């Protein structure tokens, strides 16, 4: 009876829309839908569910013709969406290395549940809430860790040098992960910032981090937006304004029924002027693409890495009757040169407009200096640099957790300081360690990977003793995208120095 009444209500709504429709084609289409549903409801072999016919069929089918991001929410889905919008992240404040069947603590953040409980780097979590981790595959392991952060968790832990297992009971607390994850010097005068997302405080955090690294005395900065899915557009605008001149265009929003609006750098802005490189990859999206696109179009930064994701759309959420909702793409973001950030959306006029629309009706896009840049969605780097190749030996060593396991044992017996470097003896010990576990690379394979192995061991040893940020500093030394960015910044700095000397000599 309930389904019949709901079906009748939806049918009445469609008939009302048909009577109000001013477009003959729309009126005809709606009438066809109502007639088809009425016949189906009266004559189908099995009872018809209005929810299945409309909530899972007609309405989602209609939206699929628009773009992949416009979505209809049935009552349960819409309620879940509202809860997600108001939920907070909880956790224990620990950084862990997740290996097949193993979880090793790398760092506990001060003042968090894990730190207050007494957990320490090098501890291996053996069981969570009675589940033995060694019996779980990677997907099950990650799912268990995610679930455990929502409620009190009982942990059984093994600590190096302690024959007895330790028991911890941790109660999760609200965690606000800083959007600026890392800030350090790659070399004297050249800073590095890794920005994980754009939230309310990101612009201020970026400025604070730059000042700690040297402020306007920096010779250059690498801004890492890889794997950054975006966030608040207002935060992206604040970030771009840290580097662009006052009045410079940052982004433009255009849609069929949305008034065109452009965002510019505020008149009173005092941007940094040091050379800048921005790292992007295929997981760089939305607000991150607004920042990188604006910096590229104004020739303010060199973009390095892989083509970005290509998500530059404005979504509006509309509550509907019956507890349902609709997320609809209503506009697109465009870079200062007129490029659509959104990649073309298959088989829709909306997609065609996104791929070809240009404020001046042109098909090519150029930076302020006249340099041609690629349009059609996403941000294509000025320098395409692939990530490090995963060789067979590297894959085996990472999958087996060999680096973390060896490092855990090593730091238990050695004092580690900032000037630590892997010695030939340490590499020999690691080779014996691998051999005991059935990993025996050939002489040529070992020689080819020796430098990588030394760097990975140093990274894990620093993770466990000096913190994961120090480990990231070591890891940056073998990151080809970071190193290319440093090379380009150094070249730009040298050019500026040569130009200054030339002006002085004149």
Protein backbone atom coordinates (compact mmCIF):
# COMPACT_ATOMS: atom_id res chain seq x y z
CA UNK A 1 0.00 0.00 0.00
CA UNK A 2 2.83 2.39 0.89
CA UNK A 3 4.56 1.83 -2.46
CA UNK A 4 1.28 2.35 -4.31
CA UNK A 5 0.66 5.66 -2.53
CA UNK A 6 4.22 6.82 -3.17
CA UNK A 7 3.90 5.82 -6.83
CA UNK A 8 0.63 7.73 -7.06
CA UNK A 9 2.26 10.79 -5.51
CA UNK A 10 5.16 10.70 -7.95
CA UNK A 11 2.79 10.15 -10.85
CA UNK A 12 0.68 13.12 -9.76
CA UNK A 13 3.79 15.26 -9.56
CA UNK A 14 4.82 14.30 -13.09
CA UNK A 15 1.32 15.04 -14.41
CA UNK A 16 1.45 18.43 -12.70
CA UNK A 17 4.84 19.16 -14.27
CA UNK A 18 3.48 18.14 -17.66
CA UNK A 19 0.60 20.58 -17.32
CA UNK A 20 2.93 23.40 -16.30
CA UNK A 21 5.62 22.72 -18.92
CA UNK A 22 5.89 25.50 -21.47
CA UNK A 23 8.13 23.54 -23.82
CA UNK A 24 6.17 21.22 -26.13
CA UNK A 25 9.00 18.65 -26.18
CA UNK A 26 9.25 18.59 -22.39
CA UNK A 27 5.49 18.26 -21.97
CA UNK A 28 5.39 15.38 -24.46
CA UNK A 29 8.29 13.58 -22.77
CA UNK A 30 6.78 13.85 -19.30
CA UNK A 31 3.44 12.58 -20.58
CA UNK A 32 5.19 9.59 -22.15
CA UNK A 33 6.84 8.76 -18.82
CA UNK A 34 3.58 9.04 -16.87
CA UNK A 35 1.70 6.94 -19.40
CA UNK A 36 4.38 4.24 -19.39
CA UNK A 37 4.41 4.12 -15.59
CA UNK A 38 0.60 3.96 -15.39
CA UNK A 39 0.46 1.04 -17.84
CA UNK A 40 3.28 -0.73 -16.02
CA UNK A 41 1.66 -0.26 -12.62
CA UNK A 42 -1.68 -1.64 -13.83
CA UNK A 43 -0.53 -4.50 -16.05
CA UNK A 44 2.95 -5.71 -15.06
CA UNK A 45 3.20 -9.41 -14.10
CA UNK A 46 4.66 -8.50 -10.72
CA UNK A 47 3.86 -5.51 -8.48
CA UNK A 48 5.83 -2.39 -9.44
CA UNK A 49 7.97 -0.59 -6.87
CA UNK A 50 7.79 3.16 -7.37
CA UNK A 51 11.18 3.55 -5.66
CA UNK A 52 12.75 1.08 -8.07
CA UNK A 53 11.09 2.61 -11.11
CA UNK A 54 11.92 6.23 -10.35
CA UNK A 55 14.61 6.41 -7.62
CA UNK A 56 16.75 3.65 -9.14
CA UNK A 57 15.66 3.84 -12.78
CA UNK A 58 14.14 6.90 -14.44
CA UNK A 59 15.83 9.69 -12.47
CA UNK A 60 19.39 8.21 -12.34
CA UNK A 61 19.02 7.31 -16.03
CA UNK A 62 18.19 10.91 -16.85
CA UNK A 63 21.19 12.22 -14.89
CA UNK A 64 23.59 9.78 -16.57
CA UNK A 65 23.01 11.68 -19.82
CA UNK A 66 24.49 14.80 -18.20
CA UNK A 67 27.78 13.89 -16.52
CA UNK A 68 29.24 11.32 -14.10
CA UNK A 69 29.11 13.71 -11.14
CA UNK A 70 25.38 14.58 -11.12
CA UNK A 71 23.78 12.11 -8.71
CA UNK A 72 20.31 11.36 -7.33
CA UNK A 73 20.11 10.31 -3.67
CA UNK A 74 17.30 8.10 -2.44
CA UNK A 75 16.11 8.81 1.15
CA UNK A 76 18.72 6.55 2.78
CA UNK A 77 21.58 7.89 0.68
CA UNK A 78 20.58 11.52 1.22
CA UNK A 79 20.42 11.01 4.98
CA UNK A 80 23.90 9.45 4.91
CA UNK A 81 25.20 12.41 2.88
CA UNK A 82 23.90 14.86 5.49
CA UNK A 83 25.58 12.88 8.27
CA UNK A 84 28.90 12.87 6.40
CA UNK A 85 28.73 16.64 6.00
CA UNK A 86 28.49 17.09 9.76
CA UNK A 87 30.78 14.26 10.90
CA UNK A 88 34.26 14.68 12.36
CA UNK A 89 37.32 12.51 11.91
CA UNK A 90 38.47 10.53 14.91
CA UNK A 91 41.68 8.67 15.54
CA UNK A 92 44.46 7.73 17.93
CA UNK A 93 47.20 10.07 16.67
CA UNK A 94 49.68 7.47 15.44
CA UNK A 95 51.49 7.07 12.13
CA UNK A 96 51.82 3.41 11.16
CA UNK A 97 53.41 1.33 8.43
CA UNK A 98 50.86 -1.16 7.10
CA UNK A 99 52.51 -4.33 5.78
CA UNK A 100 50.96 -7.65 4.75
CA UNK A 101 49.55 -9.01 8.03
CA UNK A 102 51.55 -6.50 10.09
CA UNK A 103 51.20 -2.96 11.44
CA UNK A 104 54.27 -1.20 12.87
CA UNK A 105 54.08 2.13 14.70
CA UNK A 106 56.36 4.76 13.18
CA UNK A 107 55.38 7.78 15.25
CA UNK A 108 52.93 8.89 17.95
CA UNK A 109 51.79 12.51 17.88
CA UNK A 110 52.22 14.44 21.17
CA UNK A 111 49.11 14.70 23.34
CA UNK A 112 47.13 12.09 21.38
CA UNK A 113 45.61 8.84 22.73
CA UNK A 114 48.46 6.71 21.36
CA UNK A 115 51.16 8.90 22.90
CA UNK A 116 49.39 9.16 26.27
CA UNK A 117 48.95 5.38 26.40
CA UNK A 118 52.69 4.81 26.15
CA UNK A 119 52.88 3.39 22.63
CA UNK A 120 56.23 4.03 20.96
CA UNK A 121 57.87 3.87 17.52
CA UNK A 122 58.82 0.32 16.64
CA UNK A 123 55.87 -1.24 18.46
CA UNK A 124 54.13 -3.87 16.35
CA UNK A 125 50.35 -4.14 16.71
CA UNK A 126 49.50 -7.85 16.75
CA UNK A 127 45.75 -7.74 17.37
CA UNK A 128 42.92 -5.20 17.43
CA UNK A 129 39.73 -5.95 19.35
CA UNK A 130 40.54 -9.66 19.30
CA UNK A 131 41.32 -9.84 15.58
CA UNK A 132 44.77 -11.25 14.87
CA UNK A 133 46.30 -9.05 12.17
CA UNK A 134 48.55 -11.75 10.71
CA UNK A 135 45.46 -13.59 9.47
CA UNK A 136 44.07 -10.63 7.50
CA UNK A 137 44.79 -9.62 3.92
CA UNK A 138 45.58 -5.96 3.12
CA UNK A 139 41.98 -4.93 2.39
CA UNK A 140 40.70 -6.55 5.59
CA UNK A 141 43.55 -5.01 7.57
CA UNK A 142 42.85 -1.48 6.35
CA UNK A 143 39.11 -1.92 6.91
CA UNK A 144 39.72 -3.08 10.51
CA UNK A 145 42.04 -0.15 11.25
CA UNK A 146 39.51 2.29 9.80
CA UNK A 147 36.65 0.83 11.81
CA UNK A 148 38.66 0.72 15.04
CA UNK A 149 39.15 4.50 14.98
CA UNK A 150 35.43 5.04 15.59
CA UNK A 151 35.25 3.40 19.02
CA UNK A 152 37.38 2.27 21.94
CA UNK A 153 39.98 -0.24 20.77
CA UNK A 154 41.90 -2.93 22.62
CA UNK A 155 45.38 -3.55 21.19
CA UNK A 156 47.91 -6.30 21.79
CA UNK A 157 51.40 -5.00 21.02
CA UNK A 158 54.86 -6.52 20.70
CA UNK A 159 57.77 -4.26 21.63
CA UNK A 160 61.37 -4.97 20.49
CA UNK A 161 63.46 -6.20 23.42
CA UNK A 162 60.41 -7.04 25.53
CA UNK A 163 59.47 -10.71 25.74
CA UNK A 164 55.98 -10.00 27.05
CA UNK A 165 53.09 -8.65 24.99
CA UNK A 166 51.72 -5.24 25.97
CA UNK A 167 48.01 -4.41 26.21
CA UNK A 168 46.66 -0.96 25.37
CA UNK A 169 43.13 0.42 25.48
CA UNK A 170 42.78 3.52 23.28
CA UNK A 171 39.77 5.82 23.08
CA UNK A 172 39.61 7.78 19.81
CA UNK A 173 39.53 11.56 19.86
CA UNK A 174 38.63 14.12 17.24
CA UNK A 175 41.64 14.71 15.01
CA UNK A 176 42.29 17.74 12.84
CA UNK A 177 45.02 16.69 10.45
CA UNK A 178 46.97 19.73 9.24
CA UNK A 179 46.50 20.29 5.52
CA UNK A 180 50.16 21.33 5.21
CA UNK A 181 51.71 17.96 5.97
CA UNK A 182 55.41 18.65 5.42
CA UNK A 183 57.67 21.71 5.39
CA UNK A 184 61.47 21.42 5.15
CA UNK A 185 64.46 22.53 3.11
CA UNK A 186 65.44 20.32 0.18
CA UNK A 187 68.78 22.13 -0.01
CA UNK A 188 70.00 25.46 1.37
CA UNK A 189 67.56 28.17 0.29
CA UNK A 190 65.04 25.89 -1.47
CA UNK A 191 61.97 24.94 0.55
CA UNK A 192 59.44 22.15 0.18
CA UNK A 193 55.75 22.16 1.18
CA UNK A 194 53.39 19.23 0.81
CA UNK A 195 49.75 20.32 0.91
CA UNK A 196 47.32 17.41 1.38
CA UNK A 197 44.05 19.34 0.97
CA UNK A 198 42.53 22.79 1.03
CA UNK A 199 40.60 23.52 4.18
CA UNK A 200 39.71 26.62 6.18
CA UNK A 201 43.24 27.17 7.53
CA UNK A 202 45.38 26.09 4.57
CA UNK A 203 46.26 29.55 3.25
CA UNK A 204 47.48 30.71 6.66
CA UNK A 205 49.33 27.42 7.27
CA UNK A 206 51.17 27.77 3.95
CA UNK A 207 52.23 31.33 4.77
CA UNK A 208 53.36 30.30 8.27
CA UNK A 209 55.37 27.39 6.85
CA UNK A 210 57.05 29.61 4.27
CA UNK A 211 58.05 32.09 6.96
CA UNK A 212 59.58 29.33 9.07
CA UNK A 213 61.60 28.15 6.08
CA UNK A 214 62.98 31.61 5.38
CA UNK A 215 60.16 33.75 4.04
CA UNK A 216 61.16 36.20 1.34
CA UNK A 217 64.80 35.16 1.71
CA UNK A 218 64.06 31.76 0.17
CA UNK A 219 65.70 31.15 -3.20
CA UNK A 220 62.81 28.97 -4.30
CA UNK A 221 59.93 26.74 -3.22
CA UNK A 222 58.55 23.38 -4.33
CA UNK A 223 54.78 23.26 -3.70
CA UNK A 224 53.68 19.62 -3.74
CA UNK A 225 50.00 19.20 -4.71
CA UNK A 226 50.28 15.55 -5.71
CA UNK A 227 47.39 13.43 -4.40
CA UNK A 228 45.65 16.62 -3.24
CA UNK A 229 41.92 16.11 -4.02
CA UNK A 230 41.01 19.74 -3.44
CA UNK A 231 38.66 21.19 -0.85
CA UNK A 232 37.52 24.74 -0.19
CA UNK A 233 37.76 27.05 -3.20
CA UNK A 234 38.20 30.04 -0.88
CA UNK A 235 41.34 28.39 0.49
CA UNK A 236 42.64 27.83 -3.06
CA UNK A 237 42.11 31.54 -3.78
CA UNK A 238 44.06 32.50 -0.64
CA UNK A 239 46.89 30.18 -1.66
CA UNK A 240 47.14 31.51 -5.21
CA UNK A 241 47.16 35.07 -3.85
CA UNK A 242 50.33 34.27 -1.91
CA UNK A 243 52.25 34.11 -5.21
CA UNK A 244 50.36 36.20 -7.80
CA UNK A 245 50.36 39.96 -8.32
CA UNK A 246 47.39 42.03 -7.07
CA UNK A 247 44.57 42.09 -9.59
CA UNK A 248 45.67 38.88 -11.34
CA UNK A 249 42.80 36.62 -12.38
CA UNK A 250 42.71 33.30 -10.48
CA UNK A 251 39.61 31.53 -11.74
CA UNK A 252 36.29 32.12 -13.51
CA UNK A 253 33.02 30.26 -12.91
CA UNK A 254 30.56 29.90 -15.79
CA UNK A 255 27.35 27.91 -16.19
CA UNK A 256 24.16 28.02 -18.22
CA UNK A 257 22.02 29.37 -15.37
CA UNK A 258 24.85 30.62 -13.15
CA UNK A 259 26.02 34.22 -13.41
CA UNK A 260 29.63 34.37 -14.59
CA UNK A 261 31.94 35.28 -11.74
CA UNK A 262 35.69 35.82 -11.70
CA UNK A 263 38.00 35.79 -8.68
CA UNK A 264 41.10 38.01 -8.69
CA UNK A 265 44.00 38.53 -6.29
CA UNK A 266 43.04 41.25 -3.76
CA UNK A 267 44.47 44.71 -4.42
CA UNK A 268 46.38 44.79 -1.14
CA UNK A 269 48.14 41.44 -1.57
CA UNK A 270 51.92 41.25 -1.02
CA UNK A 271 52.94 38.05 -2.82
CA UNK A 272 56.18 36.13 -2.50
CA UNK A 273 58.44 36.56 -5.52
CA UNK A 274 60.94 33.68 -5.25
CA UNK A 275 60.96 31.01 -8.04
CA UNK A 276 58.21 28.44 -7.64
CA UNK A 277 57.64 24.89 -8.89
CA UNK A 278 54.36 23.00 -8.42
CA UNK A 279 54.11 19.20 -8.43
CA UNK A 280 50.92 17.58 -9.74
CA UNK A 281 49.78 14.07 -10.67
CA UNK A 282 46.63 12.22 -11.71
CA UNK A 283 45.16 12.58 -8.21
CA UNK A 284 45.58 16.36 -8.13
CA UNK A 285 42.02 17.69 -8.47
CA UNK A 286 39.56 20.53 -8.05
CA UNK A 287 40.92 23.35 -5.82
CA UNK A 288 44.47 22.07 -6.43
CA UNK A 289 43.93 22.48 -10.15
CA UNK A 290 42.62 26.01 -9.66
CA UNK A 291 45.89 26.94 -7.92
CA UNK A 292 48.23 25.18 -10.35
CA UNK A 293 46.27 26.41 -13.41
CA UNK A 294 46.41 30.05 -12.28
CA UNK A 295 50.14 29.87 -11.48
CA UNK A 296 50.84 28.27 -14.86
CA UNK A 297 48.74 30.73 -16.88
CA UNK A 298 50.47 33.71 -15.29
CA UNK A 299 53.95 32.15 -15.81
CA UNK A 300 54.43 32.35 -12.05
CA UNK A 301 55.38 28.70 -11.54
CA UNK A 302 56.72 25.80 -13.53
CA UNK A 303 54.44 22.75 -13.30
CA UNK A 304 56.17 19.37 -12.94
CA UNK A 305 54.88 15.79 -12.83
CA UNK A 306 51.91 14.13 -14.51
CA UNK A 307 48.64 15.51 -15.93
CA UNK A 308 46.14 16.30 -13.19
CA UNK A 309 42.75 14.63 -12.68
CA UNK A 310 40.57 17.23 -14.39
CA UNK A 311 37.74 17.98 -11.94
CA UNK A 312 36.65 21.57 -12.25
CA UNK A 313 32.94 21.73 -11.68
CA UNK A 314 30.51 23.38 -9.30
CA UNK A 315 27.98 21.06 -7.68
CA UNK A 316 24.77 22.24 -6.06
CA UNK A 317 22.81 19.94 -3.74
CA UNK A 318 19.02 20.27 -3.90
CA UNK A 319 16.72 18.66 -1.28
CA UNK A 320 13.69 17.05 -2.95
CA UNK A 321 10.41 15.60 -1.73
CA UNK A 322 10.13 12.18 -0.08
CA UNK A 323 13.45 12.73 1.71
CA UNK A 324 15.45 12.51 -1.52
CA UNK A 325 18.11 14.84 -2.90
CA UNK A 326 19.94 15.80 -6.07
CA UNK A 327 23.58 16.80 -6.59
CA UNK A 328 23.70 18.61 -9.92
CA UNK A 329 26.61 20.06 -11.88
CA UNK A 330 25.63 23.70 -12.43
CA UNK A 331 28.85 25.40 -13.57
CA UNK A 332 32.51 24.86 -14.53
CA UNK A 333 35.80 26.40 -13.42
CA UNK A 334 38.07 28.06 -16.01
CA UNK A 335 41.71 29.09 -15.65
CA UNK A 336 42.77 32.70 -16.42
CA UNK A 337 43.59 31.78 -20.04
CA UNK A 338 40.10 30.29 -20.48
CA UNK A 339 40.90 26.59 -20.14
CA UNK A 340 38.21 24.40 -18.63
CA UNK A 341 39.63 22.51 -15.67
CA UNK A 342 36.95 19.85 -16.10
CA UNK A 343 37.87 17.06 -18.50
CA UNK A 344 35.32 16.45 -21.29
CA UNK A 345 32.31 14.47 -20.13
CA UNK A 346 31.27 11.81 -22.62
CA UNK A 347 28.22 12.17 -24.84
CA UNK A 348 26.72 15.38 -23.57
CA UNK A 349 26.37 18.90 -24.86
CA UNK A 350 27.59 19.99 -21.45
CA UNK A 351 30.84 18.15 -22.13
CA UNK A 352 31.26 19.77 -25.53
CA UNK A 353 30.84 23.20 -23.99
CA UNK A 354 33.41 22.35 -21.31
CA UNK A 355 35.99 21.21 -23.86
CA UNK A 356 35.66 24.02 -26.37
CA UNK A 357 34.38 27.09 -24.55
CA UNK A 358 36.78 30.03 -24.56
CA UNK A 359 35.93 33.61 -23.61
CA UNK A 360 37.36 34.89 -26.88
CA UNK A 361 36.10 32.02 -29.03
CA UNK A 362 39.68 30.80 -29.58
CA UNK A 363 40.77 27.18 -29.75
CA UNK A 364 44.28 27.73 -28.35
CA UNK A 365 45.28 28.87 -24.89
CA UNK A 366 48.32 30.95 -23.95
CA UNK A 367 50.01 32.15 -20.78
CA UNK A 368 50.69 35.81 -20.05
CA UNK A 369 54.01 35.56 -21.92
CA UNK A 370 52.33 34.00 -24.96
CA UNK A 371 53.47 30.46 -24.23
CA UNK A 372 50.98 27.85 -25.47
CA UNK A 373 49.38 25.60 -22.85
CA UNK A 374 47.19 22.54 -23.30
CA UNK A 375 43.43 22.91 -22.85
CA UNK A 376 40.59 20.41 -22.73
CA UNK A 377 40.60 19.56 -19.03
CA UNK A 378 43.11 19.05 -16.26
CA UNK A 379 46.47 20.75 -15.91
CA UNK A 380 49.20 19.39 -18.19
CA UNK A 381 52.66 19.98 -16.66
CA UNK A 382 55.31 22.06 -18.37
CA UNK A 383 57.66 19.15 -17.68
CA UNK A 384 56.24 15.63 -17.75
CA UNK A 385 58.16 13.55 -15.20
CA UNK A 386 57.08 10.02 -14.35
CA UNK A 387 57.40 8.68 -10.79
CA UNK A 388 60.21 6.28 -9.95
CA UNK A 389 59.99 2.93 -11.71
CA UNK A 390 59.04 -0.02 -9.49
CA UNK A 391 61.49 -2.76 -10.40
CA UNK A 392 60.97 -6.42 -9.55
CA UNK A 393 63.33 -6.29 -6.56
CA UNK A 394 61.82 -3.06 -5.22
CA UNK A 395 58.34 -4.56 -5.42
CA UNK A 396 59.44 -7.68 -3.50
CA UNK A 397 61.21 -5.67 -0.79
CA UNK A 398 58.26 -3.32 -0.29
CA UNK A 399 55.59 -6.05 -0.35
CA UNK A 400 57.51 -8.16 2.18
CA UNK A 401 57.98 -5.24 4.58
CA UNK A 402 61.71 -5.98 4.62
CA UNK A 403 62.85 -2.36 5.10
CA UNK A 404 60.61 -1.65 8.09
CA UNK A 405 61.26 -5.01 9.73
CA UNK A 406 65.05 -4.70 9.43
CA UNK A 407 65.00 -1.07 10.55
CA UNK A 408 62.96 -1.95 13.64
CA UNK A 409 65.57 -4.43 14.77
CA UNK A 410 68.47 -2.15 13.86
CA UNK A 411 67.31 0.90 15.83
CA UNK A 412 66.79 -1.23 18.93
CA UNK A 413 70.57 -1.70 19.12
CA UNK A 414 71.90 1.56 17.65
CA UNK A 415 71.66 5.25 18.52
CA UNK A 416 70.62 7.28 15.49
CA UNK A 417 71.53 10.93 14.96
CA UNK A 418 70.88 13.43 12.15
CA UNK A 419 74.17 12.64 10.44
CA UNK A 420 73.49 8.90 10.18
CA UNK A 421 74.34 7.30 6.81
CA UNK A 422 73.99 3.62 5.84
CA UNK A 423 77.42 1.99 5.75
CA UNK A 424 78.61 -0.85 3.50
CA UNK A 425 78.52 -3.08 6.59
CA UNK A 426 74.86 -2.21 7.19
CA UNK A 427 73.98 -3.05 3.59
CA UNK A 428 75.82 -6.37 3.97
CA UNK A 429 73.79 -7.11 7.12
CA UNK A 430 70.60 -6.30 5.25
CA UNK A 431 71.60 -8.63 2.43
CA UNK A 432 72.11 -11.45 4.95
CA UNK A 433 68.75 -10.57 6.54
CA UNK A 434 67.06 -10.89 3.14
CA UNK A 435 68.80 -14.17 2.37
CA UNK A 436 67.52 -15.67 5.62
CA UNK A 437 64.00 -14.85 4.42
CA UNK A 438 64.44 -16.38 0.98
CA UNK A 439 65.10 -13.11 -0.90
CA UNK A 440 68.35 -13.53 -2.82
CA UNK A 441 68.80 -10.99 -5.65
CA UNK A 442 71.59 -11.54 -8.15
CA UNK A 443 74.82 -9.54 -8.02
CA UNK A 444 73.84 -7.27 -10.93
CA UNK A 445 70.35 -6.69 -9.56
CA UNK A 446 71.70 -5.86 -6.10
CA UNK A 447 74.33 -3.50 -7.50
CA UNK A 448 71.77 -1.67 -9.63
CA UNK A 449 69.49 -1.12 -6.63
CA UNK A 450 72.17 -0.49 -3.99
CA UNK A 451 71.66 3.28 -3.88
CA UNK A 452 67.87 2.89 -3.66
CA UNK A 453 68.18 0.29 -0.90
CA UNK A 454 70.49 2.52 1.14
CA UNK A 455 68.07 5.42 0.83
CA UNK A 456 65.04 3.30 1.80
CA UNK A 457 66.81 1.91 4.84
CA UNK A 458 67.80 5.42 5.94
CA UNK A 459 64.19 6.56 5.43
CA UNK A 460 62.75 3.81 7.62
CA UNK A 461 65.43 4.21 10.29
CA UNK A 462 64.69 7.95 10.47
CA UNK A 463 60.93 7.27 10.52
CA UNK A 464 61.37 5.16 13.64
CA UNK A 465 63.83 7.39 15.47
CA UNK A 466 63.67 11.00 14.29
CA UNK A 467 60.10 11.11 12.97
CA UNK A 468 58.36 10.62 9.64
CA UNK A 469 59.13 14.19 8.51
CA UNK A 470 62.87 13.44 8.67
CA UNK A 471 62.15 10.23 6.79
CA UNK A 472 60.35 12.23 4.11
CA UNK A 473 63.37 14.50 3.74
CA UNK A 474 65.45 11.44 2.92
CA UNK A 475 62.80 10.06 0.57
CA UNK A 476 62.74 13.37 -1.34
CA UNK A 477 66.33 12.73 -2.39
CA UNK A 478 65.21 9.85 -4.63
CA UNK A 479 61.94 11.37 -5.87
CA UNK A 480 62.50 12.19 -9.57
CA UNK A 481 59.68 14.74 -9.67
CA UNK A 482 60.97 16.64 -6.65
CA UNK A 483 64.53 16.54 -7.96
CA UNK A 484 63.43 17.88 -11.36
CA UNK A 485 61.64 20.74 -9.61
CA UNK A 486 64.79 21.55 -7.62
CA UNK A 487 66.83 21.50 -10.83
CA UNK A 488 64.48 23.97 -12.54
CA UNK A 489 64.36 26.30 -9.53
CA UNK A 490 68.15 26.25 -9.23
CA UNK A 491 68.43 27.10 -12.92
CA UNK A 492 66.00 29.99 -12.51
CA UNK A 493 67.90 31.25 -9.47
CA UNK A 494 71.20 31.12 -11.35
CA UNK A 495 69.65 33.06 -14.24
CA UNK A 496 68.43 35.78 -11.87
CA UNK A 497 71.87 36.05 -10.25
CA UNK A 498 73.50 36.36 -13.67
CA UNK A 499 70.98 39.05 -14.63
CA UNK A 500 71.69 41.03 -11.44
CA UNK A 501 75.46 40.83 -11.99
CA UNK A 502 74.99 41.99 -15.58
CA UNK A 503 72.93 44.98 -14.48
CA UNK A 504 75.53 45.94 -11.87
CA UNK A 505 78.37 45.76 -14.40
CA UNK A 506 76.48 48.13 -16.69
